[in-house]
Protein backbone atom coordinates (compact mmCIF):
# COMPACT_ATOMS: atom_id res chain seq x y z
CA MET A 1 78.64 66.11 113.21
CA PHE A 2 80.55 62.98 112.27
CA LYS A 3 82.01 64.58 109.14
CA ARG A 4 82.99 67.76 110.95
CA ASN A 5 84.63 66.04 113.88
CA ASN A 6 87.76 64.65 112.30
CA GLU A 7 89.42 64.06 115.67
CA LEU A 8 86.74 61.63 116.82
CA LYS A 9 86.70 59.94 113.43
CA LEU A 10 90.44 59.31 113.64
CA ILE A 11 90.17 58.05 117.24
CA TYR A 12 87.39 55.62 116.27
CA ILE A 13 89.43 54.25 113.36
CA LEU A 14 92.42 53.68 115.65
CA VAL A 15 90.35 52.04 118.43
CA PHE A 16 88.46 49.82 116.00
CA ALA A 17 91.72 48.85 114.24
CA LEU A 18 93.25 47.91 117.60
CA PHE A 19 90.42 45.53 118.49
CA ALA A 20 90.05 44.21 114.95
CA ILE A 21 93.72 43.17 114.92
CA PHE A 22 94.10 42.10 118.54
CA LEU A 23 90.65 40.69 119.37
CA LEU A 24 88.55 39.77 116.33
CA TYR A 25 91.43 38.40 114.23
CA PRO A 26 92.74 36.06 116.98
CA LEU A 27 89.19 34.80 117.66
CA VAL A 28 88.66 34.05 113.97
CA LEU A 29 91.90 32.03 113.99
CA VAL A 30 90.68 30.04 117.00
CA LEU A 31 87.47 29.27 115.09
CA ILE A 32 89.40 28.23 111.96
CA ARG A 33 91.73 25.96 113.96
CA ALA A 34 88.72 24.32 115.59
CA ILE A 35 86.94 23.47 112.33
CA GLN A 36 90.01 22.69 110.25
CA THR A 37 91.42 19.19 109.88
CA ASN A 38 94.52 18.64 107.69
CA GLY A 39 93.89 21.93 105.93
CA VAL A 40 90.28 21.07 105.11
CA ILE A 41 87.19 22.60 106.75
CA SER A 42 85.56 19.81 108.71
CA PHE A 43 83.65 19.30 111.94
CA ASP A 44 85.28 15.89 112.51
CA ASN A 45 87.79 17.26 115.02
CA ILE A 46 85.05 19.02 117.03
CA ILE A 47 82.96 15.83 117.13
CA LYS A 48 86.03 13.80 118.09
CA VAL A 49 86.96 16.08 121.01
CA VAL A 50 83.50 16.70 122.45
CA SER A 51 82.61 13.01 122.31
CA LYS A 52 85.55 11.96 124.49
CA GLU A 53 84.50 10.82 127.95
CA ARG A 54 87.38 12.67 129.63
CA PHE A 55 86.40 15.95 128.00
CA LEU A 56 82.73 15.52 128.90
CA THR A 57 83.70 14.72 132.50
CA SER A 58 85.86 17.85 132.81
CA LEU A 59 83.07 19.96 131.26
CA GLN A 60 80.51 18.48 133.65
CA ASN A 61 82.86 19.05 136.60
CA SER A 62 83.35 22.67 135.57
CA PHE A 63 79.63 23.37 135.34
CA LEU A 64 79.03 21.66 138.69
CA ILE A 65 81.76 23.35 140.71
CA ALA A 66 81.26 26.78 139.07
CA SER A 67 77.48 26.69 139.68
CA ILE A 68 77.83 25.75 143.34
CA ALA A 69 80.62 28.28 143.90
CA ALA A 70 78.60 31.04 142.18
CA LEU A 71 75.49 30.28 144.24
CA LEU A 72 77.39 30.25 147.55
CA SER A 73 79.52 33.27 146.65
CA THR A 74 76.50 35.36 145.62
CA SER A 75 74.67 34.36 148.82
CA LEU A 76 77.61 35.19 151.10
CA ALA A 77 78.23 38.46 149.26
CA PHE A 78 74.56 39.38 149.68
CA PHE A 79 74.79 38.65 153.41
CA LEU A 80 77.89 40.87 153.80
CA ALA A 81 76.38 43.70 151.73
CA TYR A 82 73.14 43.46 153.72
CA THR A 83 75.15 43.76 156.94
CA VAL A 84 76.83 46.90 155.61
CA HIS A 85 73.65 48.63 154.39
CA PHE A 86 70.75 47.34 156.50
CA THR A 87 72.11 46.84 160.00
CA ALA A 88 73.34 49.16 162.74
CA VAL A 89 76.65 47.37 163.40
CA PRO A 90 79.52 49.81 164.17
CA LYS A 91 80.91 51.81 161.22
CA ALA A 92 84.41 50.48 161.91
CA PHE A 93 83.06 46.95 161.53
CA LYS A 94 81.45 47.88 158.21
CA LYS A 95 84.77 49.29 156.99
CA LEU A 96 86.47 46.06 158.05
CA ILE A 97 83.96 44.07 155.97
CA ASN A 98 84.77 46.23 152.93
CA VAL A 99 88.52 45.70 153.38
CA ILE A 100 88.53 41.95 154.03
CA ALA A 101 85.83 41.09 151.48
CA THR A 102 87.86 42.73 148.68
CA MET A 103 91.33 41.65 149.89
CA PRO A 104 91.54 38.49 147.70
CA MET A 105 91.42 40.67 144.56
CA LEU A 106 94.93 41.86 145.35
CA MET A 107 96.57 38.42 144.99
CA PRO A 108 96.92 36.00 142.06
CA THR A 109 94.44 33.12 142.07
CA ILE A 110 97.18 30.50 141.77
CA THR A 111 98.36 31.57 145.24
CA TYR A 112 94.95 30.74 146.74
CA GLY A 113 95.55 27.05 146.11
CA PHE A 114 98.90 27.02 147.88
CA ALA A 115 97.48 29.04 150.77
CA ILE A 116 94.69 26.45 151.12
CA ILE A 117 97.29 23.65 151.12
CA TYR A 118 99.23 25.30 153.96
CA THR A 119 96.00 25.96 155.85
CA PHE A 120 94.17 22.63 155.51
CA GLY A 121 96.87 20.24 154.19
CA LYS A 122 98.69 17.51 156.12
CA GLN A 123 101.23 20.05 157.39
CA GLY A 124 98.72 22.91 157.43
CA VAL A 125 97.95 25.36 160.23
CA PHE A 126 94.51 23.90 160.99
CA THR A 127 95.81 20.34 160.85
CA LYS A 128 98.51 21.18 163.41
CA LEU A 129 95.99 23.09 165.50
CA PHE A 130 93.33 20.33 165.64
CA GLY A 131 95.64 17.33 165.34
CA PHE A 132 93.95 15.97 162.20
CA GLN A 133 93.28 17.03 158.61
CA PRO A 134 89.72 18.47 158.44
CA PHE A 135 89.05 17.16 154.90
CA ASN A 136 90.72 16.09 151.68
CA LEU A 137 91.55 19.42 150.09
CA TYR A 138 92.60 18.25 146.61
CA GLY A 139 89.80 18.18 144.07
CA PHE A 140 86.24 19.37 144.69
CA ASN A 141 86.65 20.58 148.30
CA GLY A 142 89.76 22.65 147.66
CA LEU A 143 88.42 24.07 144.40
CA LEU A 144 85.18 25.14 146.07
CA ILE A 145 87.03 27.00 148.84
CA GLY A 146 89.37 28.60 146.30
CA TYR A 147 86.57 29.68 143.97
CA LEU A 148 84.55 31.09 146.88
CA ILE A 149 87.46 33.26 148.01
CA TYR A 150 88.22 34.27 144.41
CA THR A 151 84.68 35.27 143.40
CA LEU A 152 83.36 36.74 146.66
CA PRO A 153 84.96 40.19 146.14
CA VAL A 154 83.36 40.65 142.70
CA ALA A 155 79.89 39.61 143.90
CA PHE A 156 80.24 41.75 147.03
CA ILE A 157 81.20 44.90 145.10
CA LEU A 158 78.34 44.46 142.62
CA ILE A 159 75.67 43.85 145.27
CA LYS A 160 76.97 46.44 147.76
CA ASN A 161 77.07 49.16 145.10
CA THR A 162 73.51 48.38 143.97
CA MET A 163 72.25 48.38 147.56
CA THR A 164 73.47 51.97 147.78
CA TYR A 165 70.75 52.93 145.30
CA ILE A 166 67.88 51.09 147.00
CA ASP A 167 65.30 53.55 148.33
CA LYS A 168 65.23 52.78 152.06
CA LYS A 169 62.06 54.81 152.44
CA GLN A 170 60.23 51.83 150.93
CA PHE A 171 61.52 49.69 153.80
CA VAL A 172 60.18 52.15 156.40
CA VAL A 173 56.81 52.37 154.59
CA SER A 174 56.57 48.57 154.62
CA ILE A 175 57.05 48.58 158.40
CA LEU A 176 54.34 51.20 158.85
CA MET A 177 51.97 49.14 156.68
CA GLY A 178 52.45 46.16 158.99
CA ASP A 179 54.02 43.84 156.42
CA SER A 180 55.57 40.65 157.72
CA PRO A 181 59.41 40.64 157.89
CA LEU A 182 59.58 38.11 155.02
CA ARG A 183 57.26 40.14 152.76
CA ARG A 184 59.12 43.33 153.65
CA PHE A 185 62.46 41.73 152.83
CA PHE A 186 61.23 40.34 149.52
CA HIS A 187 59.57 43.50 148.18
CA THR A 188 61.93 46.22 149.44
CA ILE A 189 65.35 44.50 149.28
CA PHE A 190 65.36 41.25 147.34
CA ARG A 191 63.08 42.29 144.45
CA PRO A 192 65.07 45.45 143.56
CA LEU A 193 68.27 43.37 143.66
CA VAL A 194 67.15 40.48 141.41
CA TYR A 195 68.88 41.88 138.33
CA THR A 196 72.14 42.50 140.20
CA LEU A 197 71.98 39.08 141.88
CA VAL A 198 71.63 37.39 138.49
CA ILE A 199 74.53 39.45 137.13
CA ALA A 200 76.62 38.56 140.19
CA PHE A 201 75.82 34.86 139.75
CA ILE A 202 76.78 34.96 136.06
CA GLN A 203 79.99 36.88 136.75
CA THR A 204 81.10 34.57 139.56
CA PHE A 205 80.12 31.50 137.52
CA PHE A 206 82.38 32.53 134.65
CA LEU A 207 85.23 33.53 136.93
CA SER A 208 85.14 30.00 138.37
CA PHE A 209 84.45 28.29 135.04
CA THR A 210 87.41 29.89 133.26
CA ASP A 211 89.95 30.19 136.09
CA PHE A 212 93.17 28.29 135.62
CA GLY A 213 95.21 29.32 138.66
CA ILE A 214 93.29 27.50 141.40
CA PRO A 215 92.92 24.14 139.56
CA ALA A 216 96.64 24.31 138.73
CA ALA A 217 97.42 24.26 142.44
CA ILE A 218 94.78 22.01 144.05
CA GLY A 219 92.68 20.50 141.25
CA GLY A 220 94.05 17.01 141.86
CA GLN A 221 92.13 14.33 139.94
CA PHE A 222 89.05 16.56 139.65
CA GLU A 223 89.62 17.77 136.09
CA VAL A 224 87.98 21.00 134.94
CA ILE A 225 87.76 22.52 131.48
CA ALA A 226 90.43 25.19 132.16
CA SER A 227 93.08 22.63 133.19
CA THR A 228 92.12 20.41 130.22
CA LEU A 229 92.69 23.35 127.88
CA TYR A 230 96.07 24.12 129.48
CA ASN A 231 97.21 20.50 129.14
CA GLN A 232 96.19 20.43 125.48
CA MET A 233 98.10 23.62 124.68
CA LEU A 234 101.17 23.40 126.94
CA GLY A 235 101.26 19.74 127.92
CA SER A 236 104.00 17.24 127.07
CA ILE A 237 102.48 16.78 123.59
CA PRO A 238 100.70 20.03 122.57
CA ASN A 239 97.62 19.66 120.37
CA PHE A 240 96.59 23.08 119.08
CA HIS A 241 93.57 21.83 117.15
CA ASN A 242 92.08 20.19 120.24
CA GLY A 243 92.90 23.30 122.26
CA ALA A 244 91.05 25.43 119.72
CA VAL A 245 87.98 23.18 119.97
CA ILE A 246 87.99 23.42 123.79
CA SER A 247 88.37 27.21 123.52
CA LEU A 248 85.35 27.28 121.22
CA VAL A 249 83.33 25.24 123.72
CA MET A 250 84.29 27.67 126.49
CA LEU A 251 82.89 30.52 124.38
CA VAL A 252 79.39 29.00 124.17
CA PRO A 253 78.40 29.72 127.81
CA SER A 254 79.78 33.28 127.38
CA ILE A 255 77.47 33.92 124.42
CA LEU A 256 74.50 32.47 126.32
CA ALA A 257 75.32 34.71 129.30
CA VAL A 258 75.26 37.84 127.14
CA LEU A 259 71.81 36.85 125.82
CA VAL A 260 70.53 36.16 129.36
CA VAL A 261 71.79 39.54 130.62
CA ARG A 262 69.98 41.36 127.82
CA ARG A 263 66.78 39.43 128.51
CA ILE A 264 66.72 40.25 132.22
CA GLU A 265 67.52 43.97 131.85
CA LYS A 266 63.78 44.68 132.14
CA MET A 267 63.94 43.28 135.71
CA ASN A 268 66.13 46.19 136.76
CA VAL A 269 64.28 48.43 139.24
CA ARG A 270 64.69 52.22 138.99
CA TYR A 271 63.56 54.80 141.56
CA GLU A 272 62.49 58.34 140.77
CA ASN A 273 64.04 59.48 144.04
CA ILE A 274 66.43 57.76 146.42
CA SER A 275 66.00 58.82 150.01
CA GLU A 276 68.29 58.01 152.92
CA GLU A 277 66.16 56.91 155.84
CA THR A 278 67.35 55.87 159.29
CA LEU A 279 66.33 52.25 159.63
CA PRO A 280 65.02 50.77 162.89
CA ASN A 281 67.78 49.45 165.13
CA VAL A 282 66.95 45.77 165.59
CA LYS A 283 69.53 44.38 168.03
CA SER A 284 68.87 40.72 167.26
CA LYS A 285 69.45 41.37 163.54
CA ASN A 286 72.63 43.30 164.32
CA TRP A 287 73.99 40.43 166.40
CA ILE A 288 73.07 37.71 163.88
CA CYS A 289 74.51 39.62 160.92
CA GLY A 290 77.56 40.74 162.90
CA ILE A 291 78.41 37.19 163.99
CA GLY A 292 77.73 35.79 160.51
CA ALA A 293 79.90 38.45 158.83
CA SER A 294 82.66 37.82 161.40
CA LEU A 295 82.70 34.11 160.58
CA ILE A 296 82.92 34.81 156.83
CA MET A 297 85.77 37.28 157.36
CA LEU A 298 87.52 34.85 159.69
CA GLY A 299 87.34 32.20 156.98
CA ILE A 300 88.98 34.53 154.44
CA VAL A 301 91.67 35.74 156.84
CA SER A 302 92.48 32.22 158.09
CA VAL A 303 93.30 31.08 154.55
CA PHE A 304 95.41 34.10 153.67
CA ALA A 305 97.17 34.30 157.05
CA VAL A 306 99.77 31.72 155.98
CA ILE A 307 100.91 34.00 153.13
CA PHE A 308 101.85 36.62 155.72
CA ILE A 309 103.38 34.11 158.16
CA LEU A 310 105.39 31.51 156.19
CA PRO A 311 107.88 33.90 154.52
CA PHE A 312 109.00 34.98 158.00
CA VAL A 313 109.31 31.49 159.56
CA LYS A 314 112.59 29.56 159.54
CA GLU A 315 111.20 26.19 158.42
CA TRP A 316 107.51 25.36 158.58
CA PRO A 317 106.30 23.36 160.47
CA TYR A 318 109.49 22.15 162.18
CA ASN A 319 111.05 25.45 163.23
CA ILE A 320 108.58 28.32 163.46
CA GLY A 321 111.04 30.89 164.79
CA PHE A 322 111.11 34.31 163.14
CA SER A 323 113.51 34.68 160.22
CA LEU A 324 114.03 36.94 157.20
CA ASP A 325 116.19 34.38 155.39
CA HIS A 326 113.51 33.44 152.84
CA VAL A 327 112.82 37.08 151.96
CA LYS A 328 116.56 37.82 151.61
CA GLU A 329 117.09 34.75 149.41
CA THR A 330 114.24 35.79 147.16
CA PHE A 331 115.58 39.30 146.67
CA GLN A 332 119.12 38.00 146.15
CA SER A 333 117.98 35.79 143.28
CA ALA A 334 118.68 37.60 140.00
CA ASN A 335 116.11 35.42 138.21
CA LEU A 336 113.32 36.28 140.65
CA LEU A 337 114.18 39.97 140.58
CA ASP A 338 113.91 39.91 136.78
CA VAL A 339 110.33 38.64 136.88
CA VAL A 340 109.48 41.27 139.51
CA LYS A 341 110.88 43.96 137.23
CA ASN A 342 108.97 42.53 134.26
CA SER A 343 105.73 42.49 136.23
CA PHE A 344 106.03 46.14 137.20
CA ILE A 345 106.93 47.20 133.66
CA VAL A 346 104.00 45.30 132.16
CA ALA A 347 101.54 46.44 134.85
CA VAL A 348 102.46 50.15 134.65
CA LEU A 349 102.50 50.27 130.84
CA THR A 350 99.24 48.28 130.69
CA ALA A 351 97.64 50.74 133.13
CA ILE A 352 98.77 53.73 131.05
CA CYS A 353 97.82 52.30 127.65
CA GLY A 354 94.61 50.65 128.89
CA THR A 355 93.40 53.82 130.58
CA VAL A 356 94.01 55.85 127.41
CA VAL A 357 92.27 53.31 125.14
CA SER A 358 89.26 52.93 127.46
CA TYR A 359 89.02 56.70 127.92
CA VAL A 360 88.99 57.63 124.23
CA ALA A 361 86.66 54.73 123.39
CA ALA A 362 84.18 56.00 125.99
CA ILE A 363 84.42 59.55 124.63
CA ILE A 364 83.30 58.27 121.22
CA SER A 365 80.49 56.23 122.72
CA ALA A 366 79.17 58.69 125.32
CA ARG A 367 80.12 62.17 124.04
CA GLY A 368 80.78 61.89 120.32
CA LYS A 369 77.20 62.05 119.00
CA MET A 370 78.26 59.42 116.51
CA PRO A 371 76.05 57.20 114.33
CA ARG A 372 74.51 54.34 116.27
CA PHE A 373 76.51 51.63 114.50
CA ILE A 374 79.74 53.22 115.75
CA THR A 375 78.72 53.52 119.40
CA GLY A 376 77.11 50.08 119.17
CA SER A 377 80.33 48.51 117.87
CA ILE A 378 82.30 49.84 120.84
CA ASP A 379 79.68 48.59 123.29
CA PHE A 380 79.79 45.21 121.55
CA ILE A 381 83.58 45.06 121.98
CA SER A 382 83.13 45.87 125.67
CA THR A 383 80.56 43.09 126.10
CA LEU A 384 82.70 40.63 124.16
CA THR A 385 85.87 41.26 126.20
CA ASN A 386 83.85 40.94 129.41
CA ALA A 387 82.46 37.53 128.38
CA LEU A 388 85.63 36.06 126.87
CA PRO A 389 87.71 33.69 129.04
CA GLY A 390 91.28 34.92 129.44
CA MET A 391 92.67 31.57 128.27
CA VAL A 392 90.79 31.90 124.97
CA ILE A 393 92.25 35.37 124.41
CA GLY A 394 95.73 34.05 125.18
CA ILE A 395 95.38 31.13 122.76
CA GLY A 396 94.05 33.45 120.06
CA PHE A 397 97.10 35.69 120.50
CA MET A 398 99.38 32.67 120.31
CA PHE A 399 97.83 31.57 117.01
CA ALA A 400 97.82 35.09 115.57
CA PHE A 401 101.27 36.36 116.49
CA LYS A 402 103.49 33.29 116.62
CA GLY A 403 106.63 33.98 114.60
CA THR A 404 106.03 37.75 114.49
CA ASN A 405 108.26 40.47 115.92
CA ILE A 406 106.03 40.93 118.97
CA GLN A 407 106.17 37.27 120.06
CA ASN A 408 107.62 36.86 123.59
CA THR A 409 107.87 40.64 124.06
CA TYR A 410 106.51 43.10 126.60
CA LEU A 411 104.34 44.56 123.84
CA ILE A 412 102.24 41.44 123.30
CA LEU A 413 101.67 41.08 127.07
CA ILE A 414 100.62 44.72 127.38
CA ILE A 415 98.23 44.57 124.42
CA CYS A 416 96.76 41.28 125.67
CA ASN A 417 96.07 42.80 129.10
CA VAL A 418 94.61 45.99 127.59
CA VAL A 419 92.17 43.90 125.52
CA HIS A 420 91.42 41.38 128.29
CA PHE A 421 90.51 43.98 130.95
CA PHE A 422 88.98 46.63 128.66
CA SER A 423 85.33 46.23 129.65
CA THR A 424 85.23 47.41 133.27
CA PRO A 425 87.34 50.60 132.88
CA TYR A 426 85.37 51.45 129.73
CA VAL A 427 82.04 51.15 131.58
CA MET A 428 83.45 53.16 134.51
CA ILE A 429 84.42 56.16 132.41
CA LYS A 430 81.42 55.92 130.08
CA ASN A 431 79.08 56.20 133.08
CA ALA A 432 81.08 59.22 134.29
CA PHE A 433 80.83 60.92 130.87
CA MET A 434 77.08 60.31 130.67
CA LYS A 435 76.59 62.19 133.95
CA MET A 436 78.47 65.28 132.71
CA ASN A 437 76.86 68.39 131.23
CA LEU A 438 76.21 67.80 127.52
CA SER A 439 77.15 71.38 126.62
CA PHE A 440 80.83 71.19 127.61
CA GLU A 441 82.09 70.59 124.07
CA THR A 442 79.74 73.17 122.52
CA THR A 443 80.78 75.82 125.04
CA GLY A 444 84.44 75.08 124.41
CA ARG A 445 83.98 75.39 120.66
CA LEU A 446 82.18 78.75 121.06
CA LEU A 447 85.06 79.99 123.22
CA GLY A 448 87.51 79.07 120.46
CA ASP A 449 88.96 75.94 122.03
CA SER A 450 89.84 72.96 119.88
CA TRP A 451 88.33 69.58 120.71
CA PHE A 452 91.60 68.49 122.33
CA GLY A 453 91.69 71.77 124.25
CA THR A 454 88.23 71.09 125.72
CA LEU A 455 89.32 67.54 126.53
CA ARG A 456 92.43 68.76 128.37
CA LYS A 457 90.86 71.71 130.19
CA VAL A 458 87.40 70.35 131.03
CA MET A 459 86.75 66.66 130.38
CA ILE A 460 89.86 65.18 131.99
CA PRO A 461 89.73 67.38 135.16
CA CYS A 462 86.03 66.54 135.61
CA SER A 463 86.66 62.79 135.30
CA ILE A 464 90.08 62.54 136.94
CA SER A 465 88.87 60.49 139.94
CA THR A 466 87.48 57.84 137.57
CA VAL A 467 90.73 57.91 135.61
CA PHE A 468 92.61 57.04 138.81
CA GLU A 469 90.19 54.13 139.40
CA MET A 470 90.75 52.89 135.84
CA PHE A 471 94.53 53.07 136.23
CA SER A 472 94.34 51.17 139.52
CA TYR A 473 92.05 48.50 138.00
CA TYR A 474 94.38 47.85 135.06
CA PHE A 475 97.50 47.80 137.26
CA ILE A 476 96.08 45.39 139.85
CA ASN A 477 94.64 42.98 137.30
CA SER A 478 97.86 42.99 135.29
CA MET A 479 99.80 42.09 138.43
CA VAL A 480 97.57 39.13 139.38
CA THR A 481 96.56 37.70 135.97
CA ILE A 482 97.86 34.41 134.60
CA SER A 483 95.12 32.88 132.42
CA ALA A 484 95.89 34.71 129.16
CA ILE A 485 99.59 35.54 129.47
CA ILE A 486 100.60 31.98 130.45
CA PHE A 487 100.62 31.26 126.69
CA LEU A 488 102.52 34.41 125.71
CA VAL A 489 105.51 34.92 128.04
CA GLY A 490 109.02 34.15 126.86
CA ALA A 491 112.25 33.32 128.66
CA GLU A 492 113.05 37.02 129.09
CA THR A 493 109.53 38.33 129.70
CA GLY A 494 108.22 36.05 132.46
CA VAL A 495 106.17 37.80 135.15
CA ILE A 496 105.57 36.98 138.81
CA THR A 497 102.43 34.89 138.25
CA THR A 498 104.06 32.70 135.60
CA LYS A 499 107.13 32.35 137.85
CA ILE A 500 104.82 31.15 140.63
CA LYS A 501 103.51 28.46 138.27
CA GLU A 502 107.11 27.43 137.55
CA LEU A 503 108.08 27.36 141.24
CA GLN A 504 105.13 25.04 141.89
CA HIS A 505 106.94 22.24 140.02
CA PHE A 506 109.92 22.57 142.40
CA ALA A 507 107.66 22.79 145.50
CA LYS A 508 109.22 26.16 146.46
CA PHE A 509 106.13 27.33 148.27
CA THR A 510 107.93 29.80 150.53
CA ASP A 511 109.30 31.62 147.47
CA ILE A 512 105.76 31.57 146.06
CA PHE A 513 104.41 33.24 149.18
CA VAL A 514 107.16 35.87 149.17
CA LEU A 515 106.34 36.76 145.56
CA SER A 516 102.60 36.76 146.32
CA LEU A 517 103.21 39.06 149.28
CA LEU A 518 105.17 41.35 146.98
CA ILE A 519 102.20 41.50 144.57
CA PHE A 520 99.87 42.21 147.48
CA VAL A 521 102.05 45.05 148.82
CA ALA A 522 102.46 46.54 145.33
CA ASN A 523 98.70 46.48 144.75
CA ILE A 524 97.97 47.96 148.18
CA MET A 525 100.45 50.76 147.50
CA MET A 526 98.94 51.47 144.08
CA LYS A 527 95.40 51.42 145.47
CA SER A 528 96.42 53.72 148.34
CA LEU A 529 98.19 56.11 145.93
CA MET A 530 95.15 56.31 143.64
CA ASN A 531 92.83 56.84 146.63
CA HIS A 532 95.11 59.60 147.90
CA LEU A 533 95.17 61.32 144.49
CA THR A 534 91.38 61.02 144.22
CA LYS A 535 90.91 62.54 147.68
CA LYS A 536 93.37 65.32 146.84
CA GLU A 537 91.49 66.16 143.64
CA SER A 538 88.17 66.18 145.50
CA GLU A 539 89.54 68.56 148.14
CA LYS A 540 90.99 70.81 145.43
CA ARG A 541 87.65 70.94 143.60
CA TYR A 542 85.81 71.65 146.87
CA TYR A 543 88.24 74.49 147.64
CA VAL A 544 87.73 76.02 144.18
CA GLU A 545 83.92 75.77 144.48
CA VAL A 546 83.92 77.37 147.95
CA LYS A 547 86.27 80.11 146.82
């Protein structure tokens, strides 16, 4: 099969070449920089960096804050998902939970910090409301709030989706058997979710551990490993060797996480049949979960409210009259409009290229009937890109392509984003392919269609809704990312998120909120467009089937 299918062979060579050049090669250079001292292979530099008290403190701080944030985020996400699936609160309320819980994904993380400042700072909304500052927001407190808001959407989506596949009949049977509420909860809800809860904890831990945007805004004196890496690479006196060592250290937890995930796969619970049962309507549970979910949503909205208010206020907090002056000034600035244009160009081209790369890679893995080492290599690339911190990818690109023709160009930003966000779209479309009829390609060949003909006429139409999701995922993440591309933008290729980082130094927070609002609106529009196209395709398919 492999010899006969020249199309798939060519696609595999191209995909593997892409990741060999733009993923494996940069990572090898990071490793070489870390173990090289004055041109000689030596571990002296690694020992020197990791033995410094400041480095050890930032590493300890990162593990502490990321662990606490991951635990709280996973717990809150579980509570929200439980409210959606296992209570009888109104459907409109459940939809509201879905919207607000995922809203933070549509904004760059660096904006969270500034929103927290204007909510809880000395001139913040809550401070003005209560007459005193609730707590010191710089350092641990601010980071914890920021990380919670940042990681909650990911944990919520993972847990909510898994709860969809829990057999609720088991819950009803447990009631009939007279099990205690605690035993019922443990065996019918918590136990089937253990694998997903561990995955959610690991995902949220690494999002917090590797994030650069939030510490850049409100980290204060509480140093974390991501800000230490940034200071080493782009500080007043850059030290690339030390930066490489720190990047290598950040990879260690990623490798351990991959091993843990593989070990706990056996904990995943599968049902032969999933039945939808009407659960008992327990009013006390509805009220408790409804109030708890309302408080969580209120917390999210209260932080992000300032982003929607400040751009339309004359001068906070002295003159809070309505004004469009800040928005007009932003759009009249040629420099700001350039970064907006750059962001849209990079996001759209990343979405197109990333969707194509993920799609063809999944075809090889799920439909190609290729040798195991080929499908395994693609799955390995997916796992690797999922575990790699964005900052490490960015530093690897900087080492690999400095002085080349693609330095400081759109192309390097697009390729970096395609590699960085490859894993999730790849898994999306691979799962879709694995659910399709295995005889599609064989039938097409018997009817005289070429492989590309079958792909165009059958495979793409059958998976088009997933393609729209992939496009949306790449676009949104390209609009909000900063961790990798902060090392790669040039004077002419700056994007909105890197401009926000620049505006921070001039304390132009209103401009920051205007740009953040622009990202939010763009992402909402893209998400709405993709949802509309998906719904349209579903209606078209339903019409054809009925006809």
